[in-house]
Amino acid sequence: MSGDHSATDGSARKALAELRRVTVLRQPLVDAAARAFLFEYLRQPEAARLFTALDDLEGMRYIGPVGYRRAVDILTALQGASHALQLLDGEAGEWLKPPLIQLDEHVEKTLPRMKARAAAVQGPMGRHFSNRYEGDFAVDTVRQAMLRLRSTRSGRTGAFFSVSPDERLPGPGAASSSGDCRSAAQRVDALVQKARSVSSVAVTDSGTRGRLRFLIDLGTEVSYRFTATACVLEDAREVGGARNLLASLEAAQVTEADGLLTAVAHSHTVGSVRQGPDGRWTFEGGPRAYASPEGAVAALLRTSHH
């Protein structure tokens, strides 16, 4: 898939860049902690929390609404662990203080931005992947979430953790075509259903429950985005591809109110599209129903030009 709304794509890229400025500090923190605790730093509970949070953050190669909320939780945990470690006395405190202060500076800048993005309400447009590679990054992030869940065995969840991620998740090119997207959505859905089958009673610690909840929420979001991408690709066939479909939207502003998407181009209201009971999108006088809101709006704009 090619093209996208630049604001959505740019926001996600910027968010991931901000998170990388936090995770790049992992090695200096490892070095400082190793010196501080004579290579036994993971026996310190707060140090273990710190590096677990950094590991979780490093596994995020894709970010969307669920990822923003997860980033807020992880950054908050990082902040708490950092503050606790800065209270250490003696040589341990001296070794750790410089990288921890640097970590705090990045977290204090990044956390409010992630909270703002997590609180933002997304409309029905722009939920597809920006390109085929974002779909691969999303699948990889689901895979990393599952691997991290498997690394924290808890109670009677062994049957779930024994499932290999590579056996259940799609491979590279999962968003290459509408058929690939729908197949990928089904496979991610199967993983989500497997995760939902894990009894809450079987998960005995809060950290594992959080990772399980994240896997379920992330998988649900990624499956939805694969389906939304499939819909855009199906509609794009009549306009010469996804690039042309999405490019036609760039000159218009689309607002949502009372269940209608209203398109305005060159300060003129072109018309509105609505979603029917069958989930497809139509506009008055349109030749057919469309699978995606993007397809319907693009067709509306094209009609107005004739």
Protein backbone atom coordinates (compact mmCIF):
# COMPACT_ATOMS: atom_id res chain seq x y z
CA MET A 1 0.00 0.00 0.00
CA SER A 2 1.26 3.46 -0.84
CA GLY A 3 0.55 6.94 0.48
CA ASP A 4 -1.31 8.14 3.55
CA HIS A 5 -2.49 11.16 5.50
CA SER A 6 0.90 12.72 6.28
CA ALA A 7 -0.16 14.07 9.67
CA THR A 8 -1.08 10.60 11.02
CA ASP A 9 2.06 8.95 9.65
CA GLY A 10 4.30 11.79 10.84
CA SER A 11 2.84 11.73 14.33
CA ALA A 12 3.54 8.00 14.73
CA ARG A 13 7.10 8.36 13.39
CA LYS A 14 7.76 11.26 15.76
CA ALA A 15 6.36 9.32 18.71
CA LEU A 16 8.59 6.32 18.01
CA ALA A 17 11.60 8.63 17.67
CA GLU A 18 10.81 10.14 21.06
CA LEU A 19 10.61 6.69 22.66
CA ARG A 20 13.95 5.71 21.07
CA ARG A 21 15.61 8.64 22.81
CA VAL A 22 14.63 6.92 26.06
CA THR A 23 15.64 3.37 25.13
CA VAL A 24 19.03 4.46 23.77
CA LEU A 25 20.00 5.11 27.38
CA ARG A 26 19.70 1.42 28.22
CA GLN A 27 23.40 0.56 27.81
CA PRO A 28 24.71 3.48 29.92
CA LEU A 29 22.22 2.41 32.60
CA VAL A 30 23.36 -1.22 32.39
CA ASP A 31 26.99 -0.15 32.72
CA ALA A 32 26.26 2.13 35.66
CA ALA A 33 24.09 -0.45 37.40
CA ALA A 34 26.70 -3.17 36.92
CA ARG A 35 29.31 -0.97 38.58
CA ALA A 36 26.91 0.09 41.30
CA PHE A 37 25.84 -3.42 42.25
CA LEU A 38 29.01 -5.36 41.29
CA PHE A 39 27.20 -7.13 38.41
CA GLU A 40 24.28 -8.15 40.63
CA TYR A 41 22.03 -5.22 39.68
CA LEU A 42 19.07 -7.41 38.69
CA ARG A 43 18.80 -8.50 42.32
CA GLN A 44 17.76 -4.95 43.09
CA PRO A 45 13.95 -4.87 42.63
CA GLU A 46 13.85 -1.30 41.34
CA ALA A 47 16.67 -1.98 38.87
CA ALA A 48 14.77 -5.03 37.61
CA ARG A 49 11.68 -2.85 37.13
CA LEU A 50 13.74 -0.28 35.26
CA PHE A 51 15.23 -2.74 32.77
CA THR A 52 11.97 -4.63 32.32
CA ALA A 53 10.30 -1.36 31.34
CA LEU A 54 13.12 -0.50 28.94
CA ASP A 55 12.84 -3.96 27.34
CA ASP A 56 9.09 -3.48 26.88
CA LEU A 57 9.67 -0.09 25.29
CA GLU A 58 12.31 -1.45 22.91
CA GLY A 59 9.83 -4.01 21.58
CA MET A 60 7.57 -1.29 20.16
CA ARG A 61 8.33 -0.87 16.44
CA TYR A 62 4.78 0.24 15.68
CA ILE A 63 2.60 2.63 17.62
CA GLY A 64 -1.10 3.43 17.53
CA PRO A 65 -3.78 4.29 20.12
CA VAL A 66 -3.08 1.16 22.20
CA GLY A 67 0.66 1.73 21.92
CA TYR A 68 0.38 5.31 23.17
CA ARG A 69 -1.47 4.11 26.27
CA ARG A 70 1.07 1.35 26.82
CA ALA A 71 3.93 3.84 26.40
CA VAL A 72 2.37 6.01 29.12
CA ASP A 73 2.29 3.02 31.50
CA ILE A 74 5.87 2.02 30.71
CA LEU A 75 7.25 5.55 30.99
CA THR A 76 5.44 5.99 34.31
CA ALA A 77 7.02 2.75 35.58
CA LEU A 78 10.43 3.93 34.38
CA GLN A 79 9.99 7.22 36.19
CA GLY A 80 9.02 5.51 39.44
CA ALA A 81 11.93 3.05 39.31
CA SER A 82 14.37 5.83 38.46
CA HIS A 83 13.26 8.00 41.36
CA ALA A 84 13.59 5.08 43.77
CA LEU A 85 17.12 4.25 42.57
CA GLN A 86 18.20 7.87 42.92
CA LEU A 87 17.56 7.57 46.67
CA LEU A 88 20.34 5.00 47.06
CA ASP A 89 23.27 6.08 49.22
CA GLY A 90 26.98 5.50 48.79
CA GLU A 91 28.82 4.42 45.65
CA ALA A 92 25.74 2.76 44.14
CA GLY A 93 23.88 6.06 44.18
CA GLU A 94 26.87 7.93 42.77
CA TRP A 95 27.30 5.51 39.87
CA LEU A 96 23.62 5.51 38.93
CA LYS A 97 22.74 9.15 39.38
CA PRO A 98 24.12 10.62 36.08
CA PRO A 99 22.34 8.23 33.64
CA LEU A 100 19.19 8.27 35.78
CA ILE A 101 19.06 12.06 35.67
CA GLN A 102 19.44 11.89 31.88
CA LEU A 103 16.65 9.29 31.72
CA ASP A 104 14.37 11.51 33.81
CA GLU A 105 14.94 14.45 31.48
CA HIS A 106 13.81 12.44 28.46
CA VAL A 107 10.87 10.86 30.24
CA GLU A 108 9.61 14.20 31.57
CA LYS A 109 9.56 15.57 28.02
CA THR A 110 8.09 12.46 26.37
CA LEU A 111 5.44 11.39 28.89
CA PRO A 112 3.09 14.41 28.44
CA ARG A 113 3.22 14.00 24.66
CA MET A 114 2.33 10.32 24.90
CA LYS A 115 -0.53 11.14 27.28
CA ALA A 116 -1.88 13.71 24.81
CA ARG A 117 -1.71 11.23 21.95
CA ALA A 118 -3.31 8.50 24.06
CA ALA A 119 -6.22 10.83 24.87
CA ALA A 120 -6.80 11.86 21.25
CA VAL A 121 -9.99 10.52 19.66
CA GLN A 122 -9.52 9.02 16.20
CA GLY A 123 -12.29 9.23 13.64
CA PRO A 124 -13.15 6.55 11.08
CA MET A 125 -10.70 7.89 8.48
CA GLY A 126 -6.99 7.15 8.47
CA ARG A 127 -7.17 3.88 10.38
CA HIS A 128 -5.45 1.92 7.62
CA PHE A 129 -1.70 1.32 7.58
CA SER A 130 0.34 4.07 5.98
CA ASN A 131 2.24 1.51 3.87
CA ARG A 132 2.87 -2.22 3.65
CA TYR A 133 5.90 -1.94 5.94
CA GLU A 134 3.88 -0.48 8.80
CA GLY A 135 1.82 -3.66 8.72
CA ASP A 136 5.01 -5.70 9.13
CA PHE A 137 6.14 -3.47 12.02
CA ALA A 138 2.73 -3.92 13.66
CA VAL A 139 2.95 -7.71 13.40
CA ASP A 140 6.48 -7.62 14.79
CA THR A 141 5.30 -5.53 17.74
CA VAL A 142 2.54 -8.09 18.42
CA ARG A 143 5.17 -10.83 18.21
CA GLN A 144 7.44 -8.97 20.66
CA ALA A 145 4.49 -8.49 23.03
CA MET A 146 3.86 -12.22 22.97
CA LEU A 147 7.53 -13.08 23.51
CA ARG A 148 7.62 -10.77 26.52
CA LEU A 149 4.47 -12.39 27.85
CA ARG A 150 6.03 -15.83 27.44
CA SER A 151 9.08 -14.66 29.39
CA THR A 152 6.91 -13.99 32.45
CA ARG A 153 5.30 -17.36 33.08
CA SER A 154 2.52 -17.22 35.60
CA GLY A 155 0.33 -19.91 37.10
CA ARG A 156 -1.53 -22.18 34.67
CA THR A 157 -0.75 -20.26 31.47
CA GLY A 158 1.86 -22.69 30.18
CA ALA A 159 -0.37 -23.95 27.34
CA PHE A 160 -0.68 -20.43 25.96
CA PHE A 161 2.98 -19.60 26.32
CA SER A 162 4.01 -22.79 24.54
CA VAL A 163 2.55 -21.49 21.26
CA SER A 164 5.28 -20.19 18.94
CA PRO A 165 4.53 -16.68 17.67
CA ASP A 166 5.92 -17.57 14.23
CA GLU A 167 3.33 -20.33 13.90
CA ARG A 168 0.41 -18.00 14.47
CA LEU A 169 1.34 -14.61 13.06
CA PRO A 170 1.70 -13.56 9.39
CA GLY A 171 5.11 -13.09 7.84
CA PRO A 172 6.60 -10.19 5.84
CA GLY A 173 4.37 -8.49 3.29
CA ALA A 174 1.22 -8.98 5.36
CA ALA A 175 -0.25 -5.69 4.06
CA SER A 176 0.77 -6.11 0.41
CA SER A 177 -2.74 -6.72 -0.95
CA SER A 178 -6.32 -6.74 0.27
CA GLY A 179 -6.26 -10.55 0.40
CA ASP A 180 -3.03 -10.55 2.41
CA CYS A 181 -4.53 -7.98 4.79
CA ARG A 182 -7.66 -10.03 5.42
CA SER A 183 -5.62 -13.19 5.94
CA ALA A 184 -3.34 -11.33 8.37
CA ALA A 185 -6.36 -9.98 10.27
CA GLN A 186 -7.70 -13.52 10.68
CA ARG A 187 -4.39 -14.84 11.98
CA VAL A 188 -3.98 -11.98 14.45
CA ASP A 189 -7.61 -12.50 15.54
CA ALA A 190 -6.83 -16.17 16.26
CA LEU A 191 -3.95 -15.10 18.51
CA VAL A 192 -6.19 -12.60 20.31
CA GLN A 193 -8.81 -15.28 20.91
CA LYS A 194 -6.10 -17.57 22.29
CA ALA A 195 -4.97 -14.79 24.62
CA ARG A 196 -8.55 -14.12 25.73
CA SER A 197 -8.92 -17.79 26.67
CA VAL A 198 -6.26 -17.44 29.38
CA SER A 199 -8.13 -17.29 32.67
CA SER A 200 -7.46 -14.22 34.78
CA VAL A 201 -7.19 -16.59 37.74
CA ALA A 202 -4.20 -18.24 36.05
CA VAL A 203 -2.27 -14.97 35.84
CA THR A 204 -1.00 -14.37 39.34
CA ASP A 205 1.03 -11.17 39.07
CA SER A 206 0.12 -7.69 37.92
CA GLY A 207 3.03 -7.38 35.48
CA THR A 208 1.94 -10.45 33.54
CA ARG A 209 -1.69 -9.29 33.59
CA GLY A 210 -0.59 -5.98 32.10
CA ARG A 211 1.36 -7.71 29.33
CA LEU A 212 -1.55 -10.03 28.58
CA ARG A 213 -3.96 -7.08 28.42
CA PHE A 214 -1.57 -5.22 26.13
CA LEU A 215 -1.28 -8.21 23.80
CA ILE A 216 -5.07 -8.50 23.56
CA ASP A 217 -5.63 -4.77 23.01
CA LEU A 218 -2.73 -4.45 20.56
CA GLY A 219 -3.80 -7.51 18.57
CA THR A 220 -7.37 -6.21 18.37
CA GLU A 221 -6.14 -2.85 17.06
CA VAL A 222 -3.73 -4.40 14.54
CA SER A 223 -6.42 -6.75 13.22
CA TYR A 224 -8.79 -3.80 12.77
CA ARG A 225 -6.11 -1.85 10.90
CA PHE A 226 -5.41 -4.77 8.57
CA THR A 227 -9.13 -4.93 7.80
CA ALA A 228 -9.32 -1.16 7.27
CA THR A 229 -6.32 -1.40 4.93
CA ALA A 230 -7.98 -4.21 2.98
CA CYS A 231 -11.07 -2.03 2.53
CA VAL A 232 -9.02 0.89 1.19
CA LEU A 233 -7.15 -1.38 -1.22
CA GLU A 234 -10.41 -2.86 -2.50
CA ASP A 235 -11.87 0.60 -3.15
CA ALA A 236 -8.62 1.74 -4.76
CA ARG A 237 -8.99 -0.66 -7.68
CA GLU A 238 -11.37 1.68 -9.49
CA VAL A 239 -9.12 4.76 -9.18
CA GLY A 240 -5.80 3.27 -10.21
CA GLY A 241 -4.37 2.26 -6.87
CA ALA A 242 -4.14 3.35 -3.25
CA ARG A 243 -1.70 6.16 -4.03
CA ASN A 244 -4.22 7.84 -6.34
CA LEU A 245 -7.09 7.27 -3.93
CA LEU A 246 -5.29 8.81 -0.98
CA ALA A 247 -3.79 11.63 -3.06
CA SER A 248 -7.30 12.70 -4.02
CA LEU A 249 -8.08 13.25 -0.33
CA GLU A 250 -5.18 15.62 0.29
CA ALA A 251 -6.98 18.66 -1.13
CA ALA A 252 -10.05 18.11 1.06
CA GLN A 253 -10.85 18.58 4.71
CA VAL A 254 -13.13 15.95 6.20
CA THR A 255 -15.09 16.55 9.40
CA GLU A 256 -17.25 14.14 11.36
CA ALA A 257 -20.58 15.04 12.99
CA ASP A 258 -23.82 13.17 13.66
CA GLY A 259 -22.59 10.06 11.90
CA LEU A 260 -21.71 11.93 8.70
CA LEU A 261 -18.33 12.59 7.12
CA THR A 262 -18.51 15.95 5.33
CA ALA A 263 -15.92 16.82 2.72
CA VAL A 264 -14.90 20.43 2.08
CA ALA A 265 -12.60 21.31 -0.82
CA HIS A 266 -11.48 24.82 -1.80
CA SER A 267 -13.82 26.31 0.85
CA HIS A 268 -16.80 24.55 -0.76
CA THR A 269 -18.80 21.74 0.85
CA VAL A 270 -18.72 18.89 -1.62
CA GLY A 271 -21.09 16.55 0.21
CA SER A 272 -21.29 13.92 2.91
CA VAL A 273 -20.86 10.17 3.18
CA ARG A 274 -22.42 7.88 5.76
CA GLN A 275 -21.96 4.30 6.92
CA GLY A 276 -24.87 1.95 6.34
CA PRO A 277 -26.07 -0.94 8.52
CA ASP A 278 -23.91 -3.30 6.46
CA GLY A 279 -20.78 -1.31 7.36
CA ARG A 280 -20.26 0.07 3.86
CA TRP A 281 -20.08 3.76 2.97
CA THR A 282 -22.32 5.65 0.55
CA PHE A 283 -23.18 9.18 -0.57
CA GLU A 284 -26.22 10.59 -2.27
CA GLY A 285 -26.11 9.94 -6.00
CA GLY A 286 -23.13 7.64 -5.68
CA PRO A 287 -22.90 4.70 -8.07
CA ARG A 288 -22.28 2.11 -5.36
CA ALA A 289 -21.34 1.51 -1.74
CA TYR A 290 -17.69 1.55 -0.71
CA ALA A 291 -15.79 -0.64 1.73
CA SER A 292 -13.88 2.25 3.29
CA PRO A 293 -14.72 5.85 4.25
CA GLU A 294 -11.64 6.93 2.28
CA GLY A 295 -12.97 5.24 -0.85
CA ALA A 296 -16.39 6.87 -0.49
CA VAL A 297 -14.94 10.35 0.11
CA ALA A 298 -12.52 9.98 -2.80
CA ALA A 299 -15.38 8.92 -5.09
CA LEU A 300 -17.46 11.87 -3.85
CA LEU A 301 -14.64 14.28 -4.65
CA ARG A 302 -14.15 12.76 -8.09
CA THR A 303 -17.89 13.05 -8.81
CA SER A 304 -17.83 16.73 -7.87
CA HIS A 305 -15.09 17.39 -10.43
CA HIS A 306 -17.19 16.08 -13.33
